Amino acid sequence: MADNADRANDLVLERLDRTLAARVPAQPGRVLEECEECGDPIPFERVQALAKMECLRCVECQGYHERRVRG
């Protein structure tokens, strides 16, 4: 019985390895030097804080954008 369980486990792990190997690595988001809304420079610290996310707006414009989107 343990042999069947071992084979099933090996099969699951093999499929998982193939699935993970086939994944496309995440692409970093667009980063702008100036806010796309007001044109003010986006501080380097803000870009770093967002890591691999998009950074398109300064803090103030991003807050306004989020409030506008929520309705």
C-alpha atoms as a PDB file:
ATOM      1  CA  MET A   1       0.000   0.000   0.000  1.00  0.00           C
ATOM      2  CA  ALA A   2       2.830   2.401   0.775  1.00  0.00           C
ATOM      3  CA  ASP A   3       4.257   1.827  -2.706  1.00  0.00           C
ATOM      4  CA  ASN A   4       1.081   3.147  -4.366  1.00  0.00           C
ATOM      5  CA  ALA A   5       1.024   6.146  -2.067  1.00  0.00           C
ATOM      6  CA  ASP A   6       4.692   6.868  -2.810  1.00  0.00           C
ATOM      7  CA  ARG A   7       4.076   6.689  -6.558  1.00  0.00           C
ATOM      8  CA  ALA A   8       1.059   8.962  -6.286  1.00  0.00           C
ATOM      9  CA  ASN A   9       3.054  11.439  -4.232  1.00  0.00           C
ATOM     10  CA  ASP A  10       5.910  11.345  -6.744  1.00  0.00           C
ATOM     11  CA  LEU A  11       3.449  11.976  -9.592  1.00  0.00           C
ATOM     12  CA  VAL A  12       1.926  14.968  -7.815  1.00  0.00           C
ATOM     13  CA  LEU A  13       5.350  16.438  -7.087  1.00  0.00           C
ATOM     14  CA  GLU A  14       6.459  15.918 -10.695  1.00  0.00           C
ATOM     15  CA  ARG A  15       3.361  17.694 -12.033  1.00  0.00           C
ATOM     16  CA  LEU A  16       3.846  20.518  -9.547  1.00  0.00           C
ATOM     17  CA  ASP A  17       7.483  20.914 -10.614  1.00  0.00           C
ATOM     18  CA  ARG A  18       6.454  21.065 -14.294  1.00  0.00           C
ATOM     19  CA  THR A  19       3.731  23.597 -13.562  1.00  0.00           C
ATOM     20  CA  LEU A  20       6.078  25.831 -11.591  1.00  0.00           C
ATOM     21  CA  ALA A  21       8.794  25.576 -14.247  1.00  0.00           C
ATOM     22  CA  ALA A  22       6.315  26.621 -16.956  1.00  0.00           C
ATOM     23  CA  ARG A  23       5.228  29.776 -15.152  1.00  0.00           C
ATOM     24  CA  VAL A  24       6.263  33.089 -16.633  1.00  0.00           C
ATOM     25  CA  PRO A  25       8.173  35.167 -14.109  1.00  0.00           C
ATOM     26  CA  ALA A  26       6.361  38.275 -12.923  1.00  0.00           C
ATOM     27  CA  GLN A  27       7.256  41.390 -14.841  1.00  0.00           C
ATOM     28  CA  PRO A  28       7.853  44.565 -12.880  1.00  0.00           C
ATOM     29  CA  GLY A  29       5.201  47.213 -13.341  1.00  0.00           C
ATOM     30  CA  ARG A  30       5.656  50.465 -15.201  1.00  0.00           C
ATOM     31  CA  VAL A  31       7.501  53.139 -13.262  1.00  0.00           C
ATOM     32  CA  LEU A  32       7.408  56.804 -14.199  1.00  0.00           C
ATOM     33  CA  GLU A  33       9.742  59.564 -13.075  1.00  0.00           C
ATOM     34  CA  GLU A  34       6.909  62.103 -13.104  1.00  0.00           C
ATOM     35  CA  CYS A  35       3.303  61.755 -11.964  1.00  0.00           C
ATOM     36  CA  GLU A  36       1.073  61.083 -14.965  1.00  0.00           C
ATOM     37  CA  GLU A  37      -1.627  63.341 -13.485  1.00  0.00           C
ATOM     38  CA  CYS A  38       0.151  66.452 -12.139  1.00  0.00           C
ATOM     39  CA  GLY A  39       3.649  66.128 -13.623  1.00  0.00           C
ATOM     40  CA  ASP A  40       5.437  66.423 -10.270  1.00  0.00           C
ATOM     41  CA  PRO A  41       8.511  64.208  -9.789  1.00  0.00           C
ATOM     42  CA  ILE A  42       7.803  60.885  -8.055  1.00  0.00           C
ATOM     43  CA  PRO A  43      10.256  60.474  -5.154  1.00  0.00           C
ATOM     44  CA  PHE A  44      12.707  57.587  -5.496  1.00  0.00           C
ATOM     45  CA  GLU A  45      11.652  56.375  -2.040  1.00  0.00           C
ATOM     46  CA  ARG A  46       8.040  55.935  -3.258  1.00  0.00           C
ATOM     47  CA  VAL A  47       9.203  53.899  -6.238  1.00  0.00           C
ATOM     48  CA  GLN A  48      11.307  51.697  -3.939  1.00  0.00           C
ATOM     49  CA  ALA A  49       8.440  51.264  -1.463  1.00  0.00           C
ATOM     50  CA  LEU A  50       6.168  49.937  -4.196  1.00  0.00           C
ATOM     51  CA  ALA A  51       8.804  47.342  -5.138  1.00  0.00           C
ATOM     52  CA  LYS A  52       7.602  45.567  -8.298  1.00  0.00           C
ATOM     53  CA  MET A  53       4.267  47.320  -8.610  1.00  0.00           C
ATOM     54  CA  GLU A  54       3.344  50.115 -10.986  1.00  0.00           C
ATOM     55  CA  CYS A  55       4.260  53.590  -9.845  1.00  0.00           C
ATOM     56  CA  LEU A  56       2.439  56.090 -12.037  1.00  0.00           C
ATOM     57  CA  ARG A  57       1.268  58.809  -9.639  1.00  0.00           C
ATOM     58  CA  CYS A  58       2.543  60.816  -6.701  1.00  0.00           C
ATOM     59  CA  VAL A  59       1.014  60.060  -3.296  1.00  0.00           C
ATOM     60  CA  GLU A  60      -1.546  62.862  -3.479  1.00  0.00           C
ATOM     61  CA  CYS A  61      -2.757  62.011  -6.984  1.00  0.00           C
ATOM     62  CA  GLN A  62      -2.863  58.286  -6.163  1.00  0.00           C
ATOM     63  CA  GLY A  63      -5.104  59.001  -3.172  1.00  0.00           C
ATOM     64  CA  TYR A  64      -7.400  61.152  -5.321  1.00  0.00           C
ATOM     65  CA  HIS A  65      -7.448  58.447  -8.029  1.00  0.00           C
ATOM     66  CA  GLU A  66      -8.404  55.727  -5.530  1.00  0.00           C
ATOM     67  CA  ARG A  67     -11.233  57.850  -4.058  1.00  0.00           C
ATOM     68  CA  ARG A  68     -12.500  58.625  -7.568  1.00  0.00           C
ATOM     69  CA  VAL A  69     -12.454  54.933  -8.587  1.00  0.00           C
ATOM     70  CA  ARG A  70     -14.365  53.871  -5.467  1.00  0.00           C
ATOM     71  CA  GLY A  71     -17.109  56.312  -6.379  1.00  0.00           C
END
